[in-house]
Amino acid sequence: MLFKMFLNPFPVGQSMSGTFRERSEQTHRLQSCFDNNSPGLDWMVFGVSFLSFAGTYICRFRRGEELLEIRQEVSVPLVSADLIPGISQQSMDCSSHRPLTLECCIRDRGMEGVKAAWDPGETDFADPVAGNGGSLCHRLTLGSCPDEEEAAFVCTFQGQGTPSVQSTVRVSPIRDGDLFCPREEAGGSWGATKAGRTAELLCPEGKEGKLLRNCSAGGSWGPIKGGCTSQKLLSDLHQAQLLQAGLGDPQTAVPMMLSWLDGAALGAPGSSPQDLLTTIAIMDALSHAALDAHIRLDSSAVAVSSQGKRSN
């Protein structure tokens, strides 16, 4: 995304340095400020390609002895990447008469006027509620089993003047005489699941992802598959991508993040293969950020990266 900021006068070819503040109140250094190179036009362009959150962005910079500030209101559209992976298929025991609650969530990036609705189940859109980890969620409670063999419930999020995004949850009723896998505590709490379907569990707090377990056609549980990724690592990956895109202070952030990865990320108790892959992605983004900022990486940083690649 490019912001066109009008400055008068602005000598063509003059370079400036500045900082950039986003909605999270973190200050980022601009690495791409350039003029229009057009005689007679006194404006410059600030190139910022990684805006994740809606809100007020503030650019502060110096021109000679002057300290200038420009504000820009930014709105962001809903995109499919905003959807938080949730339970996409469930079984409902019709004989238990227990209600079943469906949930869909998106990441809260400050979008205004977000509404959500389930179809079937609701006729009007409603305000989603705040969930865990900076999310907005919408729920639907089923009081009885659906009539279909497998019913699809579609959750739609829509914002003001932006495209909508959708997620689907499929519900399979377990009726009298149906084969099913019974409830079981094994690496998680697995509910009764209809034969031929796959049960899903969300990862525990502090992790992101899903665990999957197939219920065979004969009603026997299979092995647990899937995996979980540390939310701390995912947050660090986002920060590293911001640095790579030119937002932030790589001189300070890159050494600090490398130090944390060296001391805690690799081989930590409870780490998963997904954690290792995320760590490698962080290293890749930090390497590019360091290269752009002319930061020399020491041997320990290279060792962390090469260790991860060998393990993979």
Protein backbone atom coordinates (compact mmCIF):
# COMPACT_ATOMS: atom_id res chain seq x y z
CA MET A 1 0.00 0.00 0.00
CA LEU A 2 1.37 3.44 -0.93
CA PHE A 3 0.49 6.69 0.83
CA LYS A 4 0.84 9.90 -1.18
CA MET A 5 1.76 12.69 1.26
CA PHE A 6 1.73 16.29 -0.01
CA LEU A 7 4.63 18.40 1.26
CA ASN A 8 5.30 21.98 0.18
CA PRO A 9 8.00 22.76 -0.64
CA PHE A 10 9.86 19.46 -1.10
CA PRO A 11 13.13 19.50 -3.04
CA VAL A 12 13.18 16.69 -5.57
CA GLY A 13 15.83 14.11 -4.78
CA GLN A 14 16.13 15.02 -1.10
CA SER A 15 16.12 12.00 1.20
CA MET A 16 14.38 11.90 4.55
CA SER A 17 14.30 9.56 7.49
CA GLY A 18 11.33 9.00 9.72
CA THR A 19 9.31 6.73 11.92
CA PHE A 20 5.92 5.19 11.42
CA ARG A 21 3.37 4.50 14.15
CA GLU A 22 0.55 2.02 13.69
CA ARG A 23 -2.56 1.23 15.71
CA SER A 24 -0.68 -1.06 18.10
CA GLU A 25 1.28 2.03 19.25
CA GLN A 26 4.54 0.42 18.19
CA THR A 27 6.87 2.80 16.38
CA HIS A 28 8.32 1.58 13.10
CA ARG A 29 11.10 3.03 11.00
CA LEU A 30 10.26 3.78 7.40
CA GLN A 31 12.74 2.26 4.99
CA SER A 32 11.03 3.39 1.77
CA CYS A 33 10.54 7.15 1.50
CA PHE A 34 11.01 8.56 -1.97
CA ASP A 35 10.01 11.59 -3.98
CA ASN A 36 7.98 11.65 -7.16
CA ASN A 37 10.92 12.70 -9.37
CA SER A 38 8.53 14.93 -11.33
CA PRO A 39 9.57 18.57 -11.83
CA GLY A 40 7.08 21.10 -10.49
CA LEU A 41 5.28 18.65 -8.15
CA ASP A 42 6.16 19.02 -4.51
CA TRP A 43 5.00 15.77 -2.97
CA MET A 44 6.58 12.59 -1.76
CA VAL A 45 5.36 9.04 -1.36
CA PHE A 46 5.73 6.85 1.66
CA GLY A 47 5.70 3.22 0.59
CA VAL A 48 4.33 0.89 3.24
CA SER A 49 3.45 -2.57 2.01
CA PHE A 50 2.51 -4.41 5.21
CA LEU A 51 -0.45 -2.77 6.94
CA SER A 52 -2.25 -5.35 9.06
CA PHE A 53 -4.51 -3.26 11.26
CA ALA A 54 -7.08 -0.57 10.69
CA GLY A 55 -6.71 2.73 12.51
CA THR A 56 -4.63 5.90 12.46
CA TYR A 57 -1.09 5.63 11.12
CA ILE A 58 1.32 8.45 11.96
CA CYS A 59 4.50 9.22 10.04
CA ARG A 60 7.02 11.50 11.78
CA PHE A 61 10.16 12.63 10.00
CA ARG A 62 12.70 15.44 9.83
CA ARG A 63 13.36 17.76 6.91
CA GLY A 64 16.37 19.80 7.83
CA GLU A 65 15.56 21.29 11.24
CA GLU A 66 11.79 20.78 10.82
CA LEU A 67 9.95 17.93 12.53
CA LEU A 68 6.93 17.00 10.41
CA GLU A 69 4.01 14.70 11.11
CA ILE A 70 1.45 13.23 8.75
CA ARG A 71 -1.57 11.15 9.74
CA GLN A 72 -3.40 8.68 7.57
CA GLU A 73 -6.61 6.83 8.39
CA VAL A 74 -6.39 3.26 7.15
CA SER A 75 -9.20 0.77 6.69
CA VAL A 76 -8.55 -2.88 5.94
CA PRO A 77 -10.92 -5.27 4.16
CA LEU A 78 -11.97 -8.66 5.42
CA VAL A 79 -9.95 -11.41 3.73
CA SER A 80 -10.08 -15.17 3.97
CA ALA A 81 -6.83 -15.15 5.96
CA ASP A 82 -8.74 -13.38 8.77
CA LEU A 83 -10.69 -16.59 9.45
CA ILE A 84 -9.28 -18.47 12.44
CA PRO A 85 -9.24 -22.23 11.77
CA GLY A 86 -11.88 -23.82 13.99
CA ILE A 87 -13.86 -27.01 14.29
CA SER A 88 -15.16 -27.74 10.79
CA GLN A 89 -17.01 -31.00 11.45
CA GLN A 90 -18.87 -32.32 14.47
CA SER A 91 -21.13 -35.20 15.42
CA MET A 92 -24.28 -34.67 17.48
CA ASP A 93 -25.67 -37.44 19.69
CA CYS A 94 -29.43 -37.21 19.19
CA SER A 95 -30.24 -39.51 22.15
CA SER A 96 -28.39 -37.36 24.69
CA HIS A 97 -30.60 -34.29 24.10
CA ARG A 98 -27.56 -32.11 24.80
CA PRO A 99 -27.33 -28.93 22.71
CA LEU A 100 -24.40 -28.46 20.36
CA THR A 101 -22.71 -25.07 20.00
CA LEU A 102 -21.02 -24.09 16.74
CA GLU A 103 -18.43 -21.31 16.68
CA CYS A 104 -16.64 -19.30 14.00
CA CYS A 105 -13.98 -16.65 14.64
CA ILE A 106 -11.92 -14.05 12.78
CA ARG A 107 -8.88 -12.06 13.83
CA ASP A 108 -9.78 -8.61 15.14
CA ARG A 109 -7.76 -6.15 13.05
CA GLY A 110 -9.85 -3.11 13.92
CA MET A 111 -12.34 -3.48 11.07
CA GLU A 112 -15.41 -1.35 11.67
CA GLY A 113 -19.01 -2.53 11.47
CA VAL A 114 -18.27 -6.27 11.37
CA LYS A 115 -21.40 -8.42 11.56
CA ALA A 116 -21.90 -12.19 11.48
CA ALA A 117 -24.68 -14.69 10.87
CA TRP A 118 -25.21 -18.46 10.55
CA ASP A 119 -27.15 -20.00 7.68
CA PRO A 120 -29.31 -21.89 8.38
CA GLY A 121 -30.14 -20.73 11.87
CA GLU A 122 -30.31 -16.93 11.72
CA THR A 123 -32.10 -14.44 9.53
CA ASP A 124 -30.26 -11.28 10.65
CA PHE A 125 -26.61 -10.36 11.09
CA ALA A 126 -25.42 -9.63 14.63
CA ASP A 127 -22.36 -8.18 16.33
CA PRO A 128 -19.72 -10.84 17.06
CA VAL A 129 -18.32 -11.11 20.57
CA ALA A 130 -14.70 -10.78 21.66
CA GLY A 131 -12.90 -14.12 21.85
CA ASN A 132 -9.48 -15.24 23.00
CA GLY A 133 -6.26 -13.88 21.55
CA GLY A 134 -7.68 -10.81 19.82
CA SER A 135 -10.49 -12.52 17.96
CA LEU A 136 -14.14 -11.86 17.15
CA CYS A 137 -16.44 -14.89 17.40
CA HIS A 138 -20.02 -15.80 16.59
CA ARG A 139 -21.86 -18.83 17.98
CA LEU A 140 -24.93 -20.85 17.10
CA THR A 141 -26.53 -23.35 19.51
CA LEU A 142 -28.40 -26.31 18.05
CA GLY A 143 -31.12 -27.64 20.37
CA SER A 144 -31.91 -30.71 18.28
CA CYS A 145 -30.32 -32.83 15.58
CA PRO A 146 -30.62 -31.67 11.97
CA ASP A 147 -32.79 -33.74 9.62
CA GLU A 148 -30.02 -34.29 7.06
CA GLU A 149 -27.46 -37.08 7.15
CA GLU A 150 -24.84 -34.33 7.17
CA ALA A 151 -25.93 -30.70 7.54
CA ALA A 152 -23.74 -27.78 6.48
CA PHE A 153 -23.91 -24.58 8.56
CA VAL A 154 -22.25 -21.56 6.97
CA CYS A 155 -20.93 -18.69 9.09
CA THR A 156 -20.58 -15.37 7.24
CA PHE A 157 -18.66 -12.32 8.44
CA GLN A 158 -19.18 -9.05 6.62
CA GLY A 159 -17.78 -5.55 7.14
CA GLN A 160 -18.71 -2.10 5.95
CA GLY A 161 -18.28 -2.01 2.19
CA THR A 162 -15.92 -5.00 2.12
CA PRO A 163 -16.31 -8.52 0.73
CA SER A 164 -17.64 -11.14 3.13
CA VAL A 165 -15.72 -14.21 4.31
CA GLN A 166 -17.25 -17.56 5.20
CA SER A 167 -16.47 -20.75 7.07
CA THR A 168 -18.51 -23.96 7.13
CA VAL A 169 -19.19 -26.45 9.92
CA ARG A 170 -20.66 -29.84 8.98
CA VAL A 171 -22.79 -31.61 11.58
CA SER A 172 -23.48 -35.36 11.44
CA PRO A 173 -26.32 -36.62 13.69
CA ILE A 174 -25.87 -39.91 15.54
CA ARG A 175 -29.26 -41.62 15.61
CA ASP A 176 -30.41 -44.88 17.17
CA GLY A 177 -28.75 -47.79 15.37
CA ASP A 178 -25.86 -45.72 13.94
CA LEU A 179 -22.32 -46.92 14.53
CA PHE A 180 -20.09 -44.44 16.32
CA CYS A 181 -16.88 -44.07 18.29
CA PRO A 182 -17.58 -43.48 22.00
CA ARG A 183 -16.29 -40.56 24.05
CA GLU A 184 -12.65 -41.05 25.01
CA GLU A 185 -9.90 -39.25 26.90
CA ALA A 186 -6.72 -39.87 24.94
CA GLY A 187 -4.47 -36.94 24.14
CA GLY A 188 -7.55 -34.77 24.54
CA SER A 189 -11.27 -35.09 25.19
CA TRP A 190 -12.81 -36.71 22.11
CA GLY A 191 -16.60 -36.59 21.90
CA ALA A 192 -18.81 -39.31 20.43
CA THR A 193 -18.21 -39.31 16.68
CA LYS A 194 -20.27 -40.93 13.93
CA ALA A 195 -18.63 -43.82 12.08
CA GLY A 196 -16.86 -42.71 8.92
CA ARG A 197 -16.37 -39.16 10.19
CA THR A 198 -13.36 -37.30 11.56
CA ALA A 199 -13.33 -35.71 15.00
CA GLU A 200 -11.47 -32.44 15.57
CA LEU A 201 -10.02 -30.79 18.65
CA LEU A 202 -8.61 -27.29 18.88
CA CYS A 203 -5.10 -27.02 20.28
CA PRO A 204 -4.72 -26.09 23.96
CA GLU A 205 -4.24 -22.54 25.18
CA GLY A 206 -1.03 -21.00 23.90
CA LYS A 207 -1.11 -23.11 20.74
CA GLU A 208 -2.83 -22.70 17.38
CA GLY A 209 -4.04 -25.46 15.08
CA LYS A 210 -6.14 -28.62 15.26
CA LEU A 211 -5.83 -32.29 16.18
CA LEU A 212 -7.68 -34.82 14.02
CA ARG A 213 -8.84 -38.35 14.75
CA ASN A 214 -10.72 -40.58 12.33
CA CYS A 215 -13.61 -42.81 13.40
CA SER A 216 -13.58 -45.83 11.10
CA ALA A 217 -16.63 -47.21 9.30
CA GLY A 218 -16.76 -49.92 11.96
CA GLY A 219 -16.76 -47.44 14.85
CA SER A 220 -13.12 -47.70 15.97
CA TRP A 221 -10.87 -44.78 16.83
CA GLY A 222 -7.79 -44.19 14.69
CA PRO A 223 -4.50 -42.45 15.60
CA ILE A 224 -4.31 -38.76 16.44
CA LYS A 225 -3.00 -36.58 13.59
CA GLY A 226 -2.47 -32.90 12.97
CA GLY A 227 -0.38 -30.59 15.07
CA CYS A 228 -0.19 -27.41 17.11
CA THR A 229 1.99 -24.32 16.71
CA SER A 230 3.10 -22.01 19.50
CA GLN A 231 1.21 -18.71 19.38
CA LYS A 232 4.39 -17.00 20.60
CA LEU A 233 6.25 -18.31 17.55
CA LEU A 234 3.40 -17.26 15.25
CA SER A 235 3.47 -13.78 16.81
CA ASP A 236 7.24 -13.62 16.31
CA LEU A 237 6.79 -14.71 12.69
CA HIS A 238 4.38 -11.83 12.15
CA GLN A 239 6.85 -9.41 13.74
CA ALA A 240 9.67 -10.76 11.59
CA GLN A 241 7.54 -10.31 8.48
CA LEU A 242 6.87 -6.70 9.52
CA LEU A 243 10.61 -6.13 9.83
CA GLN A 244 11.16 -7.69 6.43
CA ALA A 245 8.52 -5.37 4.97
CA GLY A 246 10.26 -2.29 6.37
CA LEU A 247 8.23 -1.68 9.53
CA GLY A 248 10.20 -1.63 12.76
CA ASP A 249 13.76 -1.11 13.95
CA PRO A 250 15.78 -4.11 12.71
CA GLN A 251 18.96 -2.90 14.44
CA THR A 252 17.29 -3.59 17.81
CA ALA A 253 14.66 -6.20 17.00
CA VAL A 254 16.70 -8.67 14.93
CA PRO A 255 19.39 -9.38 17.59
CA MET A 256 16.74 -9.60 20.33
CA MET A 257 14.59 -12.07 18.38
CA LEU A 258 17.60 -14.15 17.39
CA SER A 259 18.66 -14.35 21.03
CA TRP A 260 15.22 -15.60 22.05
CA LEU A 261 15.15 -18.19 19.28
CA ASP A 262 18.60 -19.44 20.23
CA GLY A 263 17.69 -19.81 23.90
CA ALA A 264 14.10 -21.04 23.85
CA ALA A 265 12.61 -21.88 20.49
CA LEU A 266 14.56 -24.92 19.35
CA GLY A 267 14.16 -28.08 21.39
CA ALA A 268 11.83 -26.50 23.97
CA PRO A 269 9.65 -28.93 25.96
CA GLY A 270 6.38 -29.56 24.17
CA SER A 271 7.65 -28.22 20.84
CA SER A 272 6.19 -29.73 17.68
CA PRO A 273 7.33 -30.17 14.07
CA GLN A 274 5.07 -27.20 13.25
CA ASP A 275 7.05 -25.13 15.78
CA LEU A 276 10.26 -26.04 13.99
CA LEU A 277 8.87 -25.06 10.59
CA THR A 278 7.65 -21.74 12.02
CA THR A 279 11.07 -21.12 13.57
CA ILE A 280 12.72 -21.65 10.18
CA ALA A 281 10.26 -19.20 8.61
CA ILE A 282 11.14 -16.64 11.31
CA MET A 283 14.83 -17.10 10.61
CA ASP A 284 14.26 -16.62 6.90
CA ALA A 285 12.35 -13.36 7.42
CA LEU A 286 14.91 -12.06 9.94
CA SER A 287 17.75 -12.90 7.55
CA HIS A 288 16.16 -10.83 4.80
CA ALA A 289 15.47 -7.97 7.25
CA ALA A 290 19.08 -8.06 8.44
CA LEU A 291 20.38 -8.11 4.87
CA ASP A 292 18.29 -5.07 3.92
CA ALA A 293 19.46 -3.20 7.04
CA HIS A 294 23.12 -4.22 6.49
CA ILE A 295 23.24 -6.10 9.81
CA ARG A 296 25.95 -8.72 10.09
CA LEU A 297 24.65 -11.94 11.65
CA ASP A 298 27.06 -13.72 13.99
CA SER A 299 27.84 -17.43 13.88
CA SER A 300 25.27 -18.35 16.56
CA ALA A 301 22.42 -17.01 14.43
CA VAL A 302 23.64 -18.99 11.43
CA ALA A 303 23.89 -22.08 13.64
CA VAL A 304 20.26 -21.74 14.73
CA SER A 305 19.12 -21.52 11.12
CA SER A 306 21.24 -24.42 9.89
CA GLN A 307 20.25 -26.59 12.87
CA GLY A 308 16.57 -26.08 12.04
CA LYS A 309 17.09 -26.92 8.37
CA ARG A 310 19.02 -30.12 9.21
CA SER A 311 16.30 -31.21 11.63
CA ASN A 312 13.67 -30.62 8.98
